[in-house]
Amino acid sequence: MKIIHVAGFSNSGKTTFIQELIPALAMHGKVGVMKHLGHHLYTTGESEIQKDTSRFFDAHAHFVAGIDAEKTVITTPCNSLAGITSLYSDAGVEYTIIEGFKTLPCQKIWLGTREQAEEIGIAPYCLLWNPTVDTVVQNLDAFDTWNPALFDGYVTNNSIDKNK
């Protein structure tokens, strides 16, 4: 599974770029996306679902799914990149796009200036700077291949990535 890490400061176009990248990658295999929520906690806005989900997690469920007529939302108490990328790998995902987590120590697409990346100390990890979708697809082999140790030691908390 290839890890396609897309990083940049707020409003740099990460989500729009990923939305354009997904169909191009999907022509080559199954695509999964992970988004850093930063200091924003995910909520469903439906207190009954939140209450039930918490009760199931307290009872040691590893996953809880909510299914309606339009979608399924799956939640897990796991909030580590290592754990979730393992889940994606087990599900047969071939390309995992990670949005945010700027300081993640892996090859990345940087949407922004070289100076910005140098300022936060990640320039050596920047494989592509403001690329086109076609450029990303042409360079898929250059991105990191996931392995269980790739994100060992990386802590996903707000102090790591303040400027999502």
Protein backbone atom coordinates (compact mmCIF):
# COMPACT_ATOMS: atom_id res chain seq x y z
CA MET A 1 0.00 0.00 0.00
CA LYS A 2 1.38 3.40 -0.98
CA ILE A 3 1.08 6.32 1.42
CA ILE A 4 0.26 9.56 -0.41
CA HIS A 5 0.71 12.27 2.21
CA VAL A 6 -0.76 15.67 1.32
CA ALA A 7 0.24 18.51 3.62
CA GLY A 8 0.11 22.29 3.73
CA PHE A 9 -1.23 25.07 5.89
CA SER A 10 -4.95 25.81 6.23
CA ASN A 11 -6.62 26.91 3.00
CA SER A 12 -3.71 25.70 0.84
CA GLY A 13 -6.05 23.51 -1.23
CA LYS A 14 -5.40 20.09 0.34
CA THR A 15 -9.00 18.87 0.31
CA THR A 16 -9.65 20.12 -3.23
CA PHE A 17 -6.44 18.50 -4.48
CA ILE A 18 -7.32 15.20 -2.80
CA GLN A 19 -10.82 15.31 -4.30
CA GLU A 20 -9.19 15.56 -7.75
CA LEU A 21 -6.54 12.92 -6.95
CA ILE A 22 -8.93 10.18 -5.76
CA PRO A 23 -10.43 9.34 -9.19
CA ALA A 24 -6.96 9.22 -10.79
CA LEU A 25 -5.69 6.81 -8.12
CA ALA A 26 -8.90 4.77 -8.23
CA MET A 27 -8.03 3.86 -11.82
CA HIS A 28 -5.02 2.01 -10.35
CA GLY A 29 -6.58 0.44 -7.25
CA LYS A 30 -8.61 0.85 -4.07
CA VAL A 31 -8.21 4.27 -2.37
CA GLY A 32 -8.62 5.21 1.29
CA VAL A 33 -8.39 8.68 2.82
CA MET A 34 -7.52 9.80 6.36
CA LYS A 35 -8.03 13.41 7.40
CA HIS A 36 -6.44 15.13 10.37
CA LEU A 37 -9.20 16.78 12.34
CA GLY A 38 -6.77 18.78 14.47
CA HIS A 39 -8.47 20.37 17.42
CA HIS A 40 -11.92 19.68 15.92
CA LEU A 41 -13.47 16.58 17.45
CA TYR A 42 -15.63 14.40 15.21
CA THR A 43 -19.24 14.36 16.31
CA THR A 44 -22.33 13.07 14.62
CA GLY A 45 -24.56 15.75 16.05
CA GLU A 46 -26.92 13.00 17.18
CA SER A 47 -26.62 12.56 20.93
CA GLU A 48 -28.26 9.10 20.95
CA ILE A 49 -25.65 7.75 18.52
CA GLN A 50 -22.83 9.36 20.51
CA LYS A 51 -24.18 7.84 23.72
CA ASP A 52 -24.49 4.37 22.20
CA THR A 53 -21.07 4.54 20.57
CA SER A 54 -19.46 5.46 23.90
CA ARG A 55 -21.28 2.60 25.61
CA PHE A 56 -20.08 0.10 22.97
CA PHE A 57 -16.48 1.35 23.22
CA ASP A 58 -16.69 1.12 27.03
CA ALA A 59 -17.70 -2.52 26.50
CA HIS A 60 -14.47 -2.97 24.45
CA ALA A 61 -15.87 -2.92 20.89
CA HIS A 62 -13.12 -2.27 18.34
CA PHE A 63 -15.47 -0.77 15.73
CA VAL A 64 -18.97 0.69 15.79
CA ALA A 65 -20.88 1.34 12.55
CA GLY A 66 -23.91 3.50 12.04
CA ILE A 67 -25.85 2.76 8.85
CA ASP A 68 -28.56 4.88 7.30
CA ALA A 69 -30.15 5.05 3.86
CA GLU A 70 -27.24 7.07 2.40
CA LYS A 71 -24.04 6.02 4.13
CA THR A 72 -22.24 4.06 6.80
CA VAL A 73 -20.06 5.73 9.40
CA ILE A 74 -17.52 3.49 11.12
CA THR A 75 -15.81 4.65 14.28
CA THR A 76 -13.06 3.14 16.35
CA PRO A 77 -11.42 4.19 19.59
CA CYS A 78 -8.05 3.80 17.81
CA ASN A 79 -6.60 7.22 17.00
CA SER A 80 -3.13 6.21 15.81
CA LEU A 81 -1.99 6.41 12.21
CA ALA A 82 -0.24 3.05 12.63
CA GLY A 83 -3.47 1.38 13.71
CA ILE A 84 -5.69 2.92 11.06
CA THR A 85 -3.24 2.36 8.19
CA SER A 86 -3.02 -1.26 9.31
CA LEU A 87 -6.81 -1.46 9.07
CA TYR A 88 -6.73 0.03 5.55
CA SER A 89 -4.01 -2.40 4.50
CA ASP A 90 -6.01 -5.36 5.84
CA ALA A 91 -9.02 -4.10 3.84
CA GLY A 92 -7.03 -4.21 0.60
CA VAL A 93 -6.57 -0.47 0.15
CA GLU A 94 -3.73 0.12 -2.31
CA TYR A 95 -3.39 3.91 -1.95
CA THR A 96 -3.92 5.69 1.35
CA ILE A 97 -4.11 9.46 1.13
CA ILE A 98 -3.35 11.20 4.41
CA GLU A 99 -4.43 14.83 4.70
CA GLY A 100 -2.72 17.02 7.28
CA PHE A 101 -0.32 15.79 9.98
CA LYS A 102 2.35 18.07 8.46
CA THR A 103 5.18 16.76 10.61
CA LEU A 104 4.57 13.12 9.71
CA PRO A 105 8.01 11.73 8.77
CA CYS A 106 7.24 10.33 5.34
CA GLN A 107 7.40 11.44 1.69
CA LYS A 108 4.78 14.10 1.08
CA ILE A 109 3.13 16.40 -1.37
CA TRP A 110 3.52 19.94 -0.07
CA LEU A 111 0.95 22.54 -1.07
CA GLY A 112 2.72 25.77 -0.30
CA THR A 113 6.14 27.34 -0.54
CA ARG A 114 9.52 25.79 0.11
CA GLU A 115 10.08 28.49 2.75
CA GLN A 116 6.99 27.36 4.68
CA ALA A 117 8.18 23.75 4.66
CA GLU A 118 11.68 24.80 5.73
CA GLU A 119 10.24 26.94 8.53
CA ILE A 120 8.57 23.94 10.15
CA GLY A 121 11.47 21.58 9.38
CA ILE A 122 9.82 19.21 6.92
CA ALA A 123 11.40 20.25 3.61
CA PRO A 124 13.52 17.05 3.41
CA TYR A 125 10.28 15.01 3.35
CA CYS A 126 8.68 17.05 0.56
CA LEU A 127 8.75 14.88 -2.54
CA LEU A 128 6.48 17.03 -4.73
CA TRP A 129 5.74 20.75 -4.42
CA ASN A 130 2.32 21.95 -5.65
CA PRO A 131 2.06 19.14 -8.22
CA THR A 132 -0.64 18.31 -10.71
CA VAL A 133 -2.62 15.09 -10.29
CA ASP A 134 -0.83 13.66 -13.33
CA THR A 135 2.56 14.35 -11.73
CA VAL A 136 1.51 12.47 -8.59
CA VAL A 137 0.34 9.45 -10.61
CA GLN A 138 3.61 9.47 -12.59
CA ASN A 139 5.59 9.41 -9.32
CA LEU A 140 3.63 6.83 -7.32
CA ASP A 141 6.69 4.59 -6.94
CA ALA A 142 8.54 7.38 -5.11
CA PHE A 143 6.05 7.50 -2.23
CA ASP A 144 6.55 5.43 0.90
CA THR A 145 5.24 1.88 0.92
CA TRP A 146 3.40 1.27 4.15
CA ASN A 147 4.81 -1.14 6.68
CA PRO A 148 3.77 -1.62 10.31
CA ALA A 149 6.75 0.39 11.62
CA LEU A 150 6.32 3.41 9.30
CA PHE A 151 4.50 5.55 11.89
CA ASP A 152 5.94 4.00 15.06
CA GLY A 153 6.55 6.71 17.61
CA TYR A 154 4.51 9.34 15.78
CA VAL A 155 2.03 10.80 18.25
CA THR A 156 -1.17 12.20 16.77
CA ASN A 157 -2.06 15.01 19.10
CA ASN A 158 -2.63 18.72 18.66
CA SER A 159 0.80 19.69 19.97
CA ILE A 160 2.37 17.87 17.01
CA ASP A 161 0.43 19.59 14.22
CA LYS A 162 -0.89 22.94 15.45
CA ASN A 163 -1.23 24.54 12.01
CA LYS A 164 -3.25 21.87 10.20
